[in-house]
Amino acid sequence: MKNKKQQQQSTKQLLGIEGITEYSLKTAFSEAVFFSIKPSNISVMSEASLSAKIYSLMSVLKGLTEIEILCVNSRESFEGNKNHLKNLAQKEDNPAVRKLLEQDMQHLEHIQAMTATAREFLLIVRIRGLKDKEIFSYLNRIEKTLNENGFSVRRYDGEDIKTLLAVYYEQNVTTEKFEDADGERWVLNG
């Protein structure tokens, strides 16, 4: 019975998502706001600059105890496709087809190497117990603190959150605009 009930749930319900707003992801337990931090190229920093950057991050994190840190891929992962092609190549008897499959694997490895540094560093702020009119001043204060400490930061909007979920759960970054419900574009466009 439980399995049939789960099959009838939407993806949002299965993941525990109540909704995606213009600035947050709402669940039954909290509301999460995401800030993207542009990473610094530490390979070109002096030791003193690197120490100062670490100290700044430590200061921010000490002052904002409700922050969580998340590092995610901002690009697709090709591991599943590469493993599938490898399995096909091992089973393939025709040398020409096997060579084509190996070339496809090399192409995917090349793409993956080109985007290997495509990581995104996110700070997550959970909003609990704040009134609607207090939320934006609270978020602006966090953003200002991060900027004042030398971090390039951008608050995620609803589309950014949908992209984050698509990359994390589906490994999909090819969609330009995500629908709020399956088939929404067909209803709206007739």
C-alpha atoms as a PDB file:
ATOM      1  CA  MET A   1       0.000   0.000   0.000  1.00  0.00           C
ATOM      2  CA  LYS A   2       2.821   2.388   0.885  1.00  0.00           C
ATOM      3  CA  ASN A   3       4.546   1.803  -2.466  1.00  0.00           C
ATOM      4  CA  LYS A   4       1.340   2.670  -4.379  1.00  0.00           C
ATOM      5  CA  LYS A   5       0.932   5.824  -2.291  1.00  0.00           C
ATOM      6  CA  GLN A   6       4.545   6.820  -3.045  1.00  0.00           C
ATOM      7  CA  GLN A   7       3.977   6.273  -6.770  1.00  0.00           C
ATOM      8  CA  GLN A   8       1.140   8.795  -6.706  1.00  0.00           C
ATOM      9  CA  GLN A   9       3.238  11.495  -5.040  1.00  0.00           C
ATOM     10  CA  SER A  10       4.857  14.268  -7.027  1.00  0.00           C
ATOM     11  CA  THR A  11       8.629  14.623  -7.120  1.00  0.00           C
ATOM     12  CA  LYS A  12       8.388  17.604  -4.757  1.00  0.00           C
ATOM     13  CA  GLN A  13       6.390  15.535  -2.263  1.00  0.00           C
ATOM     14  CA  LEU A  14       8.862  12.642  -2.421  1.00  0.00           C
ATOM     15  CA  LEU A  15      11.751  15.034  -1.722  1.00  0.00           C
ATOM     16  CA  GLY A  16       9.874  16.815   1.063  1.00  0.00           C
ATOM     17  CA  ILE A  17       9.746  20.122  -0.805  1.00  0.00           C
ATOM     18  CA  GLU A  18       6.740  22.303  -0.135  1.00  0.00           C
ATOM     19  CA  GLY A  19       7.707  24.936  -2.661  1.00  0.00           C
ATOM     20  CA  ILE A  20      10.346  27.060  -4.338  1.00  0.00           C
ATOM     21  CA  THR A  21       9.935  30.793  -3.825  1.00  0.00           C
ATOM     22  CA  GLU A  22      11.691  33.685  -5.528  1.00  0.00           C
ATOM     23  CA  TYR A  23      14.535  33.334  -3.009  1.00  0.00           C
ATOM     24  CA  SER A  24      14.233  30.037  -1.088  1.00  0.00           C
ATOM     25  CA  LEU A  25      13.463  26.335  -0.919  1.00  0.00           C
ATOM     26  CA  LYS A  26      10.679  25.553   1.535  1.00  0.00           C
ATOM     27  CA  THR A  27      10.388  22.221   3.296  1.00  0.00           C
ATOM     28  CA  ALA A  28       8.199  21.076   6.164  1.00  0.00           C
ATOM     29  CA  PHE A  29      11.070  21.749   8.574  1.00  0.00           C
ATOM     30  CA  SER A  30      12.633  24.978   7.359  1.00  0.00           C
ATOM     31  CA  GLU A  31      13.181  27.463   4.583  1.00  0.00           C
ATOM     32  CA  ALA A  32      16.631  27.415   2.967  1.00  0.00           C
ATOM     33  CA  VAL A  33      18.248  30.387   1.226  1.00  0.00           C
ATOM     34  CA  PHE A  34      21.331  29.764  -0.924  1.00  0.00           C
ATOM     35  CA  PHE A  35      24.256  32.135  -1.433  1.00  0.00           C
ATOM     36  CA  SER A  36      26.804  31.336  -4.131  1.00  0.00           C
ATOM     37  CA  ILE A  37      30.387  32.219  -3.225  1.00  0.00           C
ATOM     38  CA  LYS A  38      32.768  32.813  -6.091  1.00  0.00           C
ATOM     39  CA  PRO A  39      35.969  30.951  -5.197  1.00  0.00           C
ATOM     40  CA  SER A  40      39.309  32.711  -5.084  1.00  0.00           C
ATOM     41  CA  ASN A  41      42.237  31.370  -7.063  1.00  0.00           C
ATOM     42  CA  ILE A  42      44.418  30.454  -4.105  1.00  0.00           C
ATOM     43  CA  SER A  43      47.262  29.203  -6.317  1.00  0.00           C
ATOM     44  CA  VAL A  44      48.229  32.812  -7.124  1.00  0.00           C
ATOM     45  CA  MET A  45      47.794  34.194  -3.600  1.00  0.00           C
ATOM     46  CA  SER A  46      50.672  34.904  -1.294  1.00  0.00           C
ATOM     47  CA  GLU A  47      50.780  33.048   1.999  1.00  0.00           C
ATOM     48  CA  ALA A  48      49.756  36.230   3.838  1.00  0.00           C
ATOM     49  CA  SER A  49      46.774  36.809   1.512  1.00  0.00           C
ATOM     50  CA  LEU A  50      45.695  33.202   1.884  1.00  0.00           C
ATOM     51  CA  SER A  51      45.909  33.437   5.673  1.00  0.00           C
ATOM     52  CA  ALA A  52      43.853  36.652   5.600  1.00  0.00           C
ATOM     53  CA  LYS A  53      41.212  34.972   3.397  1.00  0.00           C
ATOM     54  CA  ILE A  54      40.993  31.994   5.771  1.00  0.00           C
ATOM     55  CA  TYR A  55      40.703  34.323   8.758  1.00  0.00           C
ATOM     56  CA  SER A  56      37.918  36.285   6.998  1.00  0.00           C
ATOM     57  CA  LEU A  57      35.973  33.099   6.318  1.00  0.00           C
ATOM     58  CA  MET A  58      36.470  31.968   9.892  1.00  0.00           C
ATOM     59  CA  SER A  59      35.178  35.331  11.148  1.00  0.00           C
ATOM     60  CA  VAL A  60      32.097  35.129   8.954  1.00  0.00           C
ATOM     61  CA  LEU A  61      31.327  31.571  10.024  1.00  0.00           C
ATOM     62  CA  LYS A  62      31.785  32.404  13.718  1.00  0.00           C
ATOM     63  CA  GLY A  63      29.417  35.357  13.416  1.00  0.00           C
ATOM     64  CA  LEU A  64      26.763  33.475  11.491  1.00  0.00           C
ATOM     65  CA  THR A  65      26.348  30.142  13.226  1.00  0.00           C
ATOM     66  CA  GLU A  66      23.238  29.197  11.238  1.00  0.00           C
ATOM     67  CA  ILE A  67      25.207  28.925   7.976  1.00  0.00           C
ATOM     68  CA  GLU A  68      25.820  25.563   6.325  1.00  0.00           C
ATOM     69  CA  ILE A  69      28.431  25.054   3.594  1.00  0.00           C
ATOM     70  CA  LEU A  70      27.794  23.031   0.461  1.00  0.00           C
ATOM     71  CA  CYS A  71      30.109  22.240  -2.466  1.00  0.00           C
ATOM     72  CA  VAL A  72      28.360  20.854  -5.537  1.00  0.00           C
ATOM     73  CA  ASN A  73      29.092  20.177  -9.167  1.00  0.00           C
ATOM     74  CA  SER A  74      27.710  22.897 -11.344  1.00  0.00           C
ATOM     75  CA  ARG A  75      27.982  20.689 -14.414  1.00  0.00           C
ATOM     76  CA  GLU A  76      26.771  17.265 -15.435  1.00  0.00           C
ATOM     77  CA  SER A  77      28.588  14.106 -14.415  1.00  0.00           C
ATOM     78  CA  PHE A  78      29.376  11.692 -17.215  1.00  0.00           C
ATOM     79  CA  GLU A  79      30.370   8.719 -15.043  1.00  0.00           C
ATOM     80  CA  GLY A  80      27.159   6.778 -15.736  1.00  0.00           C
ATOM     81  CA  ASN A  81      27.500   7.297 -19.478  1.00  0.00           C
ATOM     82  CA  LYS A  82      31.185   6.372 -19.450  1.00  0.00           C
ATOM     83  CA  ASN A  83      30.491   3.165 -17.490  1.00  0.00           C
ATOM     84  CA  HIS A  84      27.682   2.262 -19.889  1.00  0.00           C
ATOM     85  CA  LEU A  85      29.950   2.778 -22.920  1.00  0.00           C
ATOM     86  CA  LYS A  86      32.718   0.752 -21.245  1.00  0.00           C
ATOM     87  CA  ASN A  87      30.325  -2.148 -20.638  1.00  0.00           C
ATOM     88  CA  LEU A  88      29.100  -1.985 -24.246  1.00  0.00           C
ATOM     89  CA  ALA A  89      32.675  -1.939 -25.558  1.00  0.00           C
ATOM     90  CA  GLN A  90      33.598  -4.990 -23.472  1.00  0.00           C
ATOM     91  CA  LYS A  91      30.639  -6.959 -24.878  1.00  0.00           C
ATOM     92  CA  GLU A  92      31.059  -5.748 -28.468  1.00  0.00           C
ATOM     93  CA  ASP A  93      32.504  -8.264 -30.972  1.00  0.00           C
ATOM     94  CA  ASN A  94      32.822  -5.857 -33.898  1.00  0.00           C
ATOM     95  CA  PRO A  95      36.198  -4.037 -33.651  1.00  0.00           C
ATOM     96  CA  ALA A  96      34.937  -0.982 -35.579  1.00  0.00           C
ATOM     97  CA  VAL A  97      31.983  -0.493 -33.215  1.00  0.00           C
ATOM     98  CA  ARG A  98      34.244  -1.080 -30.188  1.00  0.00           C
ATOM     99  CA  LYS A  99      36.622   1.613 -31.486  1.00  0.00           C
ATOM    100  CA  LEU A 100      33.717   4.060 -31.882  1.00  0.00           C
ATOM    101  CA  LEU A 101      32.561   3.324 -28.320  1.00  0.00           C
ATOM    102  CA  GLU A 102      36.096   3.955 -27.037  1.00  0.00           C
ATOM    103  CA  GLN A 103      36.206   7.259 -28.943  1.00  0.00           C
ATOM    104  CA  ASP A 104      32.894   8.236 -27.331  1.00  0.00           C
ATOM    105  CA  MET A 105      34.383   7.454 -23.893  1.00  0.00           C
ATOM    106  CA  GLN A 106      37.448   9.593 -24.692  1.00  0.00           C
ATOM    107  CA  HIS A 107      35.191  12.437 -25.818  1.00  0.00           C
ATOM    108  CA  LEU A 108      33.223  12.297 -22.551  1.00  0.00           C
ATOM    109  CA  GLU A 109      36.483  12.211 -20.563  1.00  0.00           C
ATOM    110  CA  HIS A 110      37.653  15.290 -22.478  1.00  0.00           C
ATOM    111  CA  ILE A 111      34.431  17.169 -21.706  1.00  0.00           C
ATOM    112  CA  GLN A 112      34.655  16.164 -18.064  1.00  0.00           C
ATOM    113  CA  ALA A 113      38.287  17.299 -17.852  1.00  0.00           C
ATOM    114  CA  MET A 114      37.337  20.673 -19.330  1.00  0.00           C
ATOM    115  CA  THR A 115      34.698  21.181 -16.626  1.00  0.00           C
ATOM    116  CA  ALA A 116      36.561  19.475 -13.772  1.00  0.00           C
ATOM    117  CA  THR A 117      36.795  22.730 -11.859  1.00  0.00           C
ATOM    118  CA  ALA A 118      33.118  23.496 -12.365  1.00  0.00           C
ATOM    119  CA  ARG A 119      32.340  23.462  -8.664  1.00  0.00           C
ATOM    120  CA  GLU A 120      30.013  25.748  -6.871  1.00  0.00           C
ATOM    121  CA  PHE A 121      30.408  26.768  -3.268  1.00  0.00           C
ATOM    122  CA  LEU A 122      27.173  27.578  -1.518  1.00  0.00           C
ATOM    123  CA  LEU A 123      26.304  28.917   1.878  1.00  0.00           C
ATOM    124  CA  ILE A 124      22.893  27.793   3.064  1.00  0.00           C
ATOM    125  CA  VAL A 125      20.961  29.846   5.581  1.00  0.00           C
ATOM    126  CA  ARG A 126      17.972  28.213   7.252  1.00  0.00           C
ATOM    127  CA  ILE A 127      15.218  30.670   8.083  1.00  0.00           C
ATOM    128  CA  ARG A 128      13.392  29.754  11.255  1.00  0.00           C
ATOM    129  CA  GLY A 129      11.151  31.860  13.424  1.00  0.00           C
ATOM    130  CA  LEU A 130      11.370  35.084  11.407  1.00  0.00           C
ATOM    131  CA  LYS A 131       8.405  37.126  10.278  1.00  0.00           C
ATOM    132  CA  ASP A 132       8.103  37.805   6.537  1.00  0.00           C
ATOM    133  CA  LYS A 133       9.127  41.456   6.876  1.00  0.00           C
ATOM    134  CA  GLU A 134      12.249  40.493   8.884  1.00  0.00           C
ATOM    135  CA  ILE A 135      13.538  37.929   6.356  1.00  0.00           C
ATOM    136  CA  PHE A 136      14.889  40.297   3.693  1.00  0.00           C
ATOM    137  CA  SER A 137      16.710  42.556   6.140  1.00  0.00           C
ATOM    138  CA  TYR A 138      18.244  39.449   7.734  1.00  0.00           C
ATOM    139  CA  LEU A 139      19.370  38.082   4.345  1.00  0.00           C
ATOM    140  CA  ASN A 140      20.688  41.489   3.256  1.00  0.00           C
ATOM    141  CA  ARG A 141      22.709  41.700   6.474  1.00  0.00           C
ATOM    142  CA  ILE A 142      24.292  38.294   5.772  1.00  0.00           C
ATOM    143  CA  GLU A 143      25.071  39.293   2.188  1.00  0.00           C
ATOM    144  CA  LYS A 144      26.611  42.564   3.365  1.00  0.00           C
ATOM    145  CA  THR A 145      28.765  40.748   5.958  1.00  0.00           C
ATOM    146  CA  LEU A 146      30.082  38.373   3.302  1.00  0.00           C
ATOM    147  CA  ASN A 147      30.863  41.212   0.878  1.00  0.00           C
ATOM    148  CA  GLU A 148      32.580  43.272   3.588  1.00  0.00           C
ATOM    149  CA  ASN A 149      34.839  40.309   4.323  1.00  0.00           C
ATOM    150  CA  GLY A 150      36.017  40.131   0.724  1.00  0.00           C
ATOM    151  CA  PHE A 151      33.774  37.427  -0.683  1.00  0.00           C
ATOM    152  CA  SER A 152      32.002  37.736  -4.016  1.00  0.00           C
ATOM    153  CA  VAL A 153      28.508  36.487  -3.222  1.00  0.00           C
ATOM    154  CA  ARG A 154      25.199  36.158  -5.061  1.00  0.00           C
ATOM    155  CA  ARG A 155      21.864  35.094  -3.602  1.00  0.00           C
ATOM    156  CA  TYR A 156      20.125  32.322  -5.526  1.00  0.00           C
ATOM    157  CA  ASP A 157      16.724  33.004  -7.015  1.00  0.00           C
ATOM    158  CA  GLY A 158      14.012  30.423  -7.745  1.00  0.00           C
ATOM    159  CA  GLU A 159      15.466  29.428 -11.136  1.00  0.00           C
ATOM    160  CA  ASP A 160      18.930  28.969  -9.619  1.00  0.00           C
ATOM    161  CA  ILE A 161      17.442  26.664  -6.971  1.00  0.00           C
ATOM    162  CA  LYS A 162      15.663  24.608  -9.654  1.00  0.00           C
ATOM    163  CA  THR A 163      18.956  24.297 -11.557  1.00  0.00           C
ATOM    164  CA  LEU A 164      20.745  23.219  -8.366  1.00  0.00           C
ATOM    165  CA  LEU A 165      18.145  20.503  -7.767  1.00  0.00           C
ATOM    166  CA  ALA A 166      18.292  19.392 -11.410  1.00  0.00           C
ATOM    167  CA  VAL A 167      22.074  19.002 -11.331  1.00  0.00           C
ATOM    168  CA  TYR A 168      22.032  17.275  -7.954  1.00  0.00           C
ATOM    169  CA  TYR A 169      19.167  14.851  -8.571  1.00  0.00           C
ATOM    170  CA  GLU A 170      19.062  14.496 -12.336  1.00  0.00           C
ATOM    171  CA  GLN A 171      22.546  15.583 -13.496  1.00  0.00           C
ATOM    172  CA  ASN A 172      20.795  17.915 -15.945  1.00  0.00           C
ATOM    173  CA  VAL A 173      21.994  21.404 -16.781  1.00  0.00           C
ATOM    174  CA  THR A 174      20.858  21.478 -20.386  1.00  0.00           C
ATOM    175  CA  THR A 175      17.361  22.795 -19.695  1.00  0.00           C
ATOM    176  CA  GLU A 176      17.026  26.553 -20.099  1.00  0.00           C
ATOM    177  CA  LYS A 177      13.873  26.990 -18.001  1.00  0.00           C
ATOM    178  CA  PHE A 178      12.509  24.515 -15.494  1.00  0.00           C
ATOM    179  CA  GLU A 179       8.803  23.886 -15.123  1.00  0.00           C
ATOM    180  CA  ASP A 180       7.074  24.007 -11.749  1.00  0.00           C
ATOM    181  CA  ALA A 181       4.925  21.026 -12.805  1.00  0.00           C
ATOM    182  CA  ASP A 182       5.454  18.369 -15.477  1.00  0.00           C
ATOM    183  CA  GLY A 183       3.915  19.465 -18.775  1.00  0.00           C
ATOM    184  CA  GLU A 184       3.418  23.075 -17.639  1.00  0.00           C
ATOM    185  CA  ARG A 185       4.732  24.453 -20.960  1.00  0.00           C
ATOM    186  CA  TRP A 186       2.037  22.586 -22.896  1.00  0.00           C
ATOM    187  CA  VAL A 187      -0.776  23.957 -20.747  1.00  0.00           C
ATOM    188  CA  LEU A 188       0.516  27.537 -20.891  1.00  0.00           C
ATOM    189  CA  ASN A 189       1.366  27.485 -24.603  1.00  0.00           C
ATOM    190  CA  GLY A 190      -1.717  25.540 -25.686  1.00  0.00           C
END
